[in-house]
Amino acid sequence: MTEPLIGVSTYLESSARWGVWDLPAALLPAGYPRLVQAGGGLAAMLPPDEPDAAARVVARLDGLVIAGGPDVEPGRYGAEREPRTGPPAEERDTWELALIAAALESGKPLLGICRGMQLLNVALGGTLVQHLEGHTEAAGAFGAHPVKPVPGTRYAAIVAEETDVPTYHHQAVDRLGRGLVVAAHAADGTVEAVELPGEPWVLGVQWHPEMGQDSRVMAALVAAAARSAS
């Protein structure tokens, strides 16, 4: 069987260095494609494009991952910017919201990681907490904390036990978006996973599975993509 093609959204940076070069770049930490590969899929990078291209892009994919990254612009969920909210990433917000809408419309399996989970919530009309403490080890360093699944959810069927997960975030889900249910919590009550029950396969996780060794969530996305493509 042909491996499902999984698209992963990318960062868009005004300056990135490699070799002798310092240039604008669409880039992705290597953990993302490696996680897709470990889960049994083929990875394709999806740099920001015009939003009207999103449906055509998603039509060529078997599944979609919205990657982590900068804070979502608060205006997207009707809030004023708070002092500790990061600078806007308008091109990513616009493009990734269009990708999410196209995936939901077409029924393509969708996984949101960290920012991706937050953006999924916003796309469905939810809001975010703009700052919370205790979920970032230090600037540029991933931490870890336990996450407990909610029984009966899709996530609990994938990972039944409480697990320690790699984490780096200072924002989180506040009001849930339309149709979403909470699928996991941190010990302090922070929402750590959300999902749409039933079909299509839609899951968001607040942590960074690409920075760990557990590929079960990605393998579940790839399996759903294989079923959807068959």
C-alpha atoms as a PDB file:
ATOM      1  CA  MET A   1       0.000   0.000   0.000  1.00  0.00           C
ATOM      2  CA  THR A   2       1.259   3.491  -0.843  1.00  0.00           C
ATOM      3  CA  GLU A   3       2.146   5.527   2.236  1.00  0.00           C
ATOM      4  CA  PRO A   4      -0.358   8.356   2.867  1.00  0.00           C
ATOM      5  CA  LEU A   5       0.868  11.831   1.941  1.00  0.00           C
ATOM      6  CA  ILE A   6       0.750  14.086   5.018  1.00  0.00           C
ATOM      7  CA  GLY A   7       1.129  17.826   4.539  1.00  0.00           C
ATOM      8  CA  VAL A   8       2.740  19.833   7.340  1.00  0.00           C
ATOM      9  CA  SER A   9       2.464  23.626   7.556  1.00  0.00           C
ATOM     10  CA  THR A  10       5.740  25.516   7.922  1.00  0.00           C
ATOM     11  CA  TYR A  11       7.274  28.491   9.630  1.00  0.00           C
ATOM     12  CA  LEU A  12       7.961  31.571   7.513  1.00  0.00           C
ATOM     13  CA  GLU A  13      11.054  33.439   8.701  1.00  0.00           C
ATOM     14  CA  SER A  14      12.509  36.691   7.393  1.00  0.00           C
ATOM     15  CA  SER A  15      16.041  35.497   8.176  1.00  0.00           C
ATOM     16  CA  ALA A  16      17.472  31.989   8.523  1.00  0.00           C
ATOM     17  CA  ARG A  17      21.105  30.888   8.425  1.00  0.00           C
ATOM     18  CA  TRP A  18      22.627  27.779   6.840  1.00  0.00           C
ATOM     19  CA  GLY A  19      26.049  27.367   5.312  1.00  0.00           C
ATOM     20  CA  VAL A  20      27.103  30.738   3.894  1.00  0.00           C
ATOM     21  CA  TRP A  21      23.498  31.897   3.498  1.00  0.00           C
ATOM     22  CA  ASP A  22      21.263  34.212   5.494  1.00  0.00           C
ATOM     23  CA  LEU A  23      17.957  34.430   3.620  1.00  0.00           C
ATOM     24  CA  PRO A  24      14.180  34.453   4.090  1.00  0.00           C
ATOM     25  CA  ALA A  25      13.030  30.861   4.490  1.00  0.00           C
ATOM     26  CA  ALA A  26      10.004  28.629   4.826  1.00  0.00           C
ATOM     27  CA  LEU A  27      11.244  26.028   7.267  1.00  0.00           C
ATOM     28  CA  LEU A  28      10.211  23.208   9.543  1.00  0.00           C
ATOM     29  CA  PRO A  29      12.059  21.571  12.461  1.00  0.00           C
ATOM     30  CA  ALA A  30      13.221  18.123  11.340  1.00  0.00           C
ATOM     31  CA  GLY A  31      11.221  16.446  14.103  1.00  0.00           C
ATOM     32  CA  TYR A  32       7.991  16.968  12.147  1.00  0.00           C
ATOM     33  CA  PRO A  33       8.867  15.032   8.967  1.00  0.00           C
ATOM     34  CA  ARG A  34      10.652  12.414  11.067  1.00  0.00           C
ATOM     35  CA  LEU A  35       7.497  11.950  13.141  1.00  0.00           C
ATOM     36  CA  VAL A  36       5.381  11.589   9.977  1.00  0.00           C
ATOM     37  CA  GLN A  37       7.841   9.010   8.678  1.00  0.00           C
ATOM     38  CA  ALA A  38       7.874   7.148  11.999  1.00  0.00           C
ATOM     39  CA  GLY A  39       4.081   7.058  11.841  1.00  0.00           C
ATOM     40  CA  GLY A  40       4.161   5.436   8.397  1.00  0.00           C
ATOM     41  CA  GLY A  41       3.479   8.460   6.177  1.00  0.00           C
ATOM     42  CA  LEU A  42       5.225  10.587   3.573  1.00  0.00           C
ATOM     43  CA  ALA A  43       5.806  14.204   4.610  1.00  0.00           C
ATOM     44  CA  ALA A  44       5.211  17.264   2.414  1.00  0.00           C
ATOM     45  CA  MET A  45       5.972  20.820   3.542  1.00  0.00           C
ATOM     46  CA  LEU A  46       3.214  23.408   3.026  1.00  0.00           C
ATOM     47  CA  PRO A  47       4.665  26.951   3.124  1.00  0.00           C
ATOM     48  CA  PRO A  48       2.218  29.870   3.315  1.00  0.00           C
ATOM     49  CA  ASP A  49       0.350  30.573   0.085  1.00  0.00           C
ATOM     50  CA  GLU A  50      -2.724  32.474  -0.995  1.00  0.00           C
ATOM     51  CA  PRO A  51      -5.729  31.233   1.009  1.00  0.00           C
ATOM     52  CA  ASP A  52      -7.723  30.419  -2.131  1.00  0.00           C
ATOM     53  CA  ALA A  53      -5.086  27.746  -2.908  1.00  0.00           C
ATOM     54  CA  ALA A  54      -5.791  25.849   0.319  1.00  0.00           C
ATOM     55  CA  ALA A  55      -8.621  23.672  -1.020  1.00  0.00           C
ATOM     56  CA  ARG A  56      -6.531  22.627  -4.028  1.00  0.00           C
ATOM     57  CA  VAL A  57      -3.569  21.799  -1.791  1.00  0.00           C
ATOM     58  CA  VAL A  58      -5.629  19.793   0.694  1.00  0.00           C
ATOM     59  CA  ALA A  59      -7.293  17.891  -2.172  1.00  0.00           C
ATOM     60  CA  ARG A  60      -3.882  16.447  -3.076  1.00  0.00           C
ATOM     61  CA  LEU A  61      -3.129  15.319   0.469  1.00  0.00           C
ATOM     62  CA  ASP A  62      -4.279  12.326   2.474  1.00  0.00           C
ATOM     63  CA  GLY A  63      -3.885  14.101   5.821  1.00  0.00           C
ATOM     64  CA  LEU A  64      -2.870  17.461   7.279  1.00  0.00           C
ATOM     65  CA  VAL A  65      -0.737  18.608  10.226  1.00  0.00           C
ATOM     66  CA  ILE A  66      -0.797  22.213  11.437  1.00  0.00           C
ATOM     67  CA  ALA A  67       2.573  22.701  13.124  1.00  0.00           C
ATOM     68  CA  GLY A  68       3.565  24.650  16.216  1.00  0.00           C
ATOM     69  CA  GLY A  69       4.898  28.175  16.104  1.00  0.00           C
ATOM     70  CA  PRO A  70       4.101  31.761  17.092  1.00  0.00           C
ATOM     71  CA  ASP A  71       1.062  32.992  19.005  1.00  0.00           C
ATOM     72  CA  VAL A  72      -2.219  33.312  17.142  1.00  0.00           C
ATOM     73  CA  GLU A  73      -3.195  36.938  16.532  1.00  0.00           C
ATOM     74  CA  PRO A  74      -5.750  37.753  19.302  1.00  0.00           C
ATOM     75  CA  GLY A  75      -7.958  39.679  16.881  1.00  0.00           C
ATOM     76  CA  ARG A  76      -8.711  36.340  15.217  1.00  0.00           C
ATOM     77  CA  TYR A  77     -10.775  35.428  18.289  1.00  0.00           C
ATOM     78  CA  GLY A  78     -12.044  38.894  19.155  1.00  0.00           C
ATOM     79  CA  ALA A  79      -9.558  39.714  21.922  1.00  0.00           C
ATOM     80  CA  GLU A  80      -7.222  42.608  22.598  1.00  0.00           C
ATOM     81  CA  ARG A  81      -3.508  41.851  22.565  1.00  0.00           C
ATOM     82  CA  GLU A  82      -2.038  41.320  26.037  1.00  0.00           C
ATOM     83  CA  PRO A  83       1.544  42.410  26.858  1.00  0.00           C
ATOM     84  CA  ARG A  84       3.042  38.894  26.851  1.00  0.00           C
ATOM     85  CA  THR A  85       1.467  37.817  23.558  1.00  0.00           C
ATOM     86  CA  GLY A  86       4.054  37.425  20.819  1.00  0.00           C
ATOM     87  CA  PRO A  87       4.239  39.368  17.542  1.00  0.00           C
ATOM     88  CA  PRO A  88       1.688  38.517  14.846  1.00  0.00           C
ATOM     89  CA  ALA A  89       2.314  35.962  12.097  1.00  0.00           C
ATOM     90  CA  GLU A  90      -0.410  37.131   9.721  1.00  0.00           C
ATOM     91  CA  GLU A  91       0.621  35.058   6.704  1.00  0.00           C
ATOM     92  CA  ARG A  92       0.674  31.863   8.755  1.00  0.00           C
ATOM     93  CA  ASP A  93      -2.636  32.651  10.482  1.00  0.00           C
ATOM     94  CA  THR A  94      -4.376  33.324   7.166  1.00  0.00           C
ATOM     95  CA  TRP A  95      -2.905  30.320   5.359  1.00  0.00           C
ATOM     96  CA  GLU A  96      -3.347  27.810   8.164  1.00  0.00           C
ATOM     97  CA  LEU A  97      -6.921  28.888   8.893  1.00  0.00           C
ATOM     98  CA  ALA A  98      -7.641  28.319   5.205  1.00  0.00           C
ATOM     99  CA  LEU A  99      -5.991  24.874   5.375  1.00  0.00           C
ATOM    100  CA  ILE A 100      -8.038  23.953   8.441  1.00  0.00           C
ATOM    101  CA  ALA A 101     -11.266  25.080   6.771  1.00  0.00           C
ATOM    102  CA  ALA A 102     -10.422  23.075   3.645  1.00  0.00           C
ATOM    103  CA  ALA A 103      -9.617  19.949   5.667  1.00  0.00           C
ATOM    104  CA  LEU A 104     -12.841  20.202   7.677  1.00  0.00           C
ATOM    105  CA  GLU A 105     -14.871  20.825   4.519  1.00  0.00           C
ATOM    106  CA  SER A 106     -13.337  17.888   2.656  1.00  0.00           C
ATOM    107  CA  GLY A 107     -13.187  15.484   5.588  1.00  0.00           C
ATOM    108  CA  LYS A 108      -9.407  15.042   5.432  1.00  0.00           C
ATOM    109  CA  PRO A 109      -7.823  13.839   8.687  1.00  0.00           C
ATOM    110  CA  LEU A 110      -6.314  16.742  10.625  1.00  0.00           C
ATOM    111  CA  LEU A 111      -3.839  16.966  13.499  1.00  0.00           C
ATOM    112  CA  GLY A 112      -3.027  20.287  15.192  1.00  0.00           C
ATOM    113  CA  ILE A 113       0.188  20.495  17.231  1.00  0.00           C
ATOM    114  CA  CYS A 114       0.522  23.225  19.906  1.00  0.00           C
ATOM    115  CA  ARG A 115      -0.212  26.417  17.902  1.00  0.00           C
ATOM    116  CA  GLY A 116      -2.041  24.090  15.484  1.00  0.00           C
ATOM    117  CA  MET A 117      -4.426  22.975  18.236  1.00  0.00           C
ATOM    118  CA  GLN A 118      -4.974  26.573  19.301  1.00  0.00           C
ATOM    119  CA  LEU A 119      -5.656  27.650  15.718  1.00  0.00           C
ATOM    120  CA  LEU A 120      -8.108  24.761  15.250  1.00  0.00           C
ATOM    121  CA  ASN A 121      -9.985  25.994  18.313  1.00  0.00           C
ATOM    122  CA  VAL A 122     -10.022  29.557  16.959  1.00  0.00           C
ATOM    123  CA  ALA A 123     -11.136  28.349  13.505  1.00  0.00           C
ATOM    124  CA  LEU A 124     -14.208  26.830  15.170  1.00  0.00           C
ATOM    125  CA  GLY A 125     -15.055  29.983  17.104  1.00  0.00           C
ATOM    126  CA  GLY A 126     -13.170  29.307  20.329  1.00  0.00           C
ATOM    127  CA  THR A 127     -10.871  31.585  22.317  1.00  0.00           C
ATOM    128  CA  LEU A 128      -7.448  31.327  23.927  1.00  0.00           C
ATOM    129  CA  VAL A 129      -5.788  32.110  27.235  1.00  0.00           C
ATOM    130  CA  GLN A 130      -3.023  34.494  26.180  1.00  0.00           C
ATOM    131  CA  HIS A 131      -0.594  33.622  28.976  1.00  0.00           C
ATOM    132  CA  LEU A 132      -0.185  30.928  31.596  1.00  0.00           C
ATOM    133  CA  GLU A 133       2.769  29.868  33.704  1.00  0.00           C
ATOM    134  CA  GLY A 134       4.455  26.521  34.159  1.00  0.00           C
ATOM    135  CA  HIS A 135       4.309  25.018  30.655  1.00  0.00           C
ATOM    136  CA  THR A 136       7.671  26.286  29.384  1.00  0.00           C
ATOM    137  CA  GLU A 137      10.956  25.076  30.876  1.00  0.00           C
ATOM    138  CA  ALA A 138      13.026  28.056  29.694  1.00  0.00           C
ATOM    139  CA  ALA A 139      13.432  30.092  26.528  1.00  0.00           C
ATOM    140  CA  GLY A 140      14.418  27.672  23.781  1.00  0.00           C
ATOM    141  CA  ALA A 141      14.187  24.582  26.025  1.00  0.00           C
ATOM    142  CA  PHE A 142      11.398  22.005  25.999  1.00  0.00           C
ATOM    143  CA  GLY A 143      10.052  20.811  29.319  1.00  0.00           C
ATOM    144  CA  ALA A 144       7.867  17.821  30.182  1.00  0.00           C
ATOM    145  CA  HIS A 145       4.745  17.219  32.207  1.00  0.00           C
ATOM    146  CA  PRO A 146       2.112  14.490  32.517  1.00  0.00           C
ATOM    147  CA  VAL A 147      -1.055  14.516  30.428  1.00  0.00           C
ATOM    148  CA  LYS A 148      -4.139  12.514  31.387  1.00  0.00           C
ATOM    149  CA  PRO A 149      -6.558  11.339  28.659  1.00  0.00           C
ATOM    150  CA  VAL A 150     -10.312  11.754  29.013  1.00  0.00           C
ATOM    151  CA  PRO A 151     -11.956   8.301  28.915  1.00  0.00           C
ATOM    152  CA  GLY A 152     -14.094   7.605  25.855  1.00  0.00           C
ATOM    153  CA  THR A 153     -12.298  10.062  23.572  1.00  0.00           C
ATOM    154  CA  ARG A 154     -10.385   9.358  20.372  1.00  0.00           C
ATOM    155  CA  TYR A 155      -7.170  10.357  22.107  1.00  0.00           C
ATOM    156  CA  ALA A 156      -7.802   7.923  24.976  1.00  0.00           C
ATOM    157  CA  ALA A 157      -8.252   5.142  22.407  1.00  0.00           C
ATOM    158  CA  ILE A 158      -4.813   6.009  20.998  1.00  0.00           C
ATOM    159  CA  VAL A 159      -2.997   6.590  24.316  1.00  0.00           C
ATOM    160  CA  ALA A 160      -4.951   5.068  27.198  1.00  0.00           C
ATOM    161  CA  GLU A 161      -2.501   5.861  29.987  1.00  0.00           C
ATOM    162  CA  GLU A 162      -1.235   9.073  31.541  1.00  0.00           C
ATOM    163  CA  THR A 163       2.047   9.991  29.853  1.00  0.00           C
ATOM    164  CA  ASP A 164       4.789  12.600  30.138  1.00  0.00           C
ATOM    165  CA  VAL A 165       4.894  14.774  27.022  1.00  0.00           C
ATOM    166  CA  PRO A 166       7.358  17.339  25.606  1.00  0.00           C
ATOM    167  CA  THR A 167       5.948  20.814  26.154  1.00  0.00           C
ATOM    168  CA  TYR A 168       6.731  24.414  25.203  1.00  0.00           C
ATOM    169  CA  HIS A 169       3.824  26.849  25.246  1.00  0.00           C
ATOM    170  CA  HIS A 170       2.435  29.796  27.185  1.00  0.00           C
ATOM    171  CA  GLN A 171      -1.041  29.926  25.650  1.00  0.00           C
ATOM    172  CA  ALA A 172      -3.918  27.462  25.827  1.00  0.00           C
ATOM    173  CA  VAL A 173      -7.549  26.829  24.948  1.00  0.00           C
ATOM    174  CA  ASP A 174     -10.053  28.943  26.876  1.00  0.00           C
ATOM    175  CA  ARG A 175     -13.582  28.662  25.420  1.00  0.00           C
ATOM    176  CA  LEU A 176     -13.962  25.571  23.236  1.00  0.00           C
ATOM    177  CA  GLY A 177     -14.758  25.963  19.560  1.00  0.00           C
ATOM    178  CA  ARG A 178     -17.928  24.555  17.993  1.00  0.00           C
ATOM    179  CA  GLY A 179     -18.224  20.791  18.314  1.00  0.00           C
ATOM    180  CA  LEU A 180     -14.864  20.290  20.028  1.00  0.00           C
ATOM    181  CA  VAL A 181     -14.551  18.194  23.179  1.00  0.00           C
ATOM    182  CA  VAL A 182     -11.664  18.050  25.630  1.00  0.00           C
ATOM    183  CA  ALA A 183      -9.616  14.861  25.198  1.00  0.00           C
ATOM    184  CA  ALA A 184      -6.798  15.360  27.756  1.00  0.00           C
ATOM    185  CA  HIS A 185      -5.790  17.584  30.672  1.00  0.00           C
ATOM    186  CA  ALA A 186      -2.591  18.583  32.445  1.00  0.00           C
ATOM    187  CA  ALA A 187      -2.454  18.253  36.225  1.00  0.00           C
ATOM    188  CA  ASP A 188      -3.290  21.949  36.615  1.00  0.00           C
ATOM    189  CA  GLY A 189      -6.444  21.540  34.521  1.00  0.00           C
ATOM    190  CA  THR A 190      -5.040  23.053  31.315  1.00  0.00           C
ATOM    191  CA  VAL A 191      -6.699  21.600  28.216  1.00  0.00           C
ATOM    192  CA  GLU A 192      -4.020  19.447  26.553  1.00  0.00           C
ATOM    193  CA  ALA A 193      -6.004  17.857  23.712  1.00  0.00           C
ATOM    194  CA  VAL A 194      -9.230  18.572  21.846  1.00  0.00           C
ATOM    195  CA  GLU A 195     -11.075  16.633  19.164  1.00  0.00           C
ATOM    196  CA  LEU A 196     -14.177  16.457  17.036  1.00  0.00           C
ATOM    197  CA  PRO A 197     -16.082  13.267  17.911  1.00  0.00           C
ATOM    198  CA  GLY A 198     -16.828  10.847  15.084  1.00  0.00           C
ATOM    199  CA  GLU A 199     -15.740  11.563  11.537  1.00  0.00           C
ATOM    200  CA  PRO A 200     -13.784  13.234  10.072  1.00  0.00           C
ATOM    201  CA  TRP A 201     -10.694  12.437  12.154  1.00  0.00           C
ATOM    202  CA  VAL A 202      -9.750  15.732  13.858  1.00  0.00           C
ATOM    203  CA  LEU A 203      -7.443  15.980  16.875  1.00  0.00           C
ATOM    204  CA  GLY A 204      -5.359  18.732  18.447  1.00  0.00           C
ATOM    205  CA  VAL A 205      -2.626  18.249  21.045  1.00  0.00           C
ATOM    206  CA  GLN A 206      -1.037  21.047  23.059  1.00  0.00           C
ATOM    207  CA  TRP A 207       2.347  19.339  23.377  1.00  0.00           C
ATOM    208  CA  HIS A 208       5.088  18.613  20.820  1.00  0.00           C
ATOM    209  CA  PRO A 209       5.112  14.919  19.876  1.00  0.00           C
ATOM    210  CA  GLU A 210       7.803  15.646  17.280  1.00  0.00           C
ATOM    211  CA  MET A 211      10.215  16.262  20.179  1.00  0.00           C
ATOM    212  CA  GLY A 212       9.592  12.864  21.811  1.00  0.00           C
ATOM    213  CA  GLN A 213       9.749   9.171  20.987  1.00  0.00           C
ATOM    214  CA  ASP A 214       6.028   8.370  21.087  1.00  0.00           C
ATOM    215  CA  SER A 215       4.649   8.241  17.527  1.00  0.00           C
ATOM    216  CA  ARG A 216       1.209   6.829  18.396  1.00  0.00           C
ATOM    217  CA  VAL A 217      -0.723  10.050  17.734  1.00  0.00           C
ATOM    218  CA  MET A 218       0.930  10.490  14.339  1.00  0.00           C
ATOM    219  CA  ALA A 219       0.477   6.808  13.500  1.00  0.00           C
ATOM    220  CA  ALA A 220      -3.241   7.226  14.231  1.00  0.00           C
ATOM    221  CA  LEU A 221      -3.432  10.217  11.878  1.00  0.00           C
ATOM    222  CA  VAL A 222      -1.618   8.264   9.156  1.00  0.00           C
ATOM    223  CA  ALA A 223      -3.957   5.280   9.638  1.00  0.00           C
ATOM    224  CA  ALA A 224      -6.980   7.590   9.349  1.00  0.00           C
ATOM    225  CA  ALA A 225      -5.454   9.140   6.211  1.00  0.00           C
ATOM    226  CA  ALA A 226      -4.994   5.668   4.708  1.00  0.00           C
ATOM    227  CA  ARG A 227      -8.636   4.817   5.384  1.00  0.00           C
ATOM    228  CA  SER A 228      -9.800   8.117   3.949  1.00  0.00           C
ATOM    229  CA  ALA A 229      -7.750   7.606   0.784  1.00  0.00           C
ATOM    230  CA  SER A 230      -8.918   4.028   0.177  1.00  0.00           C
END
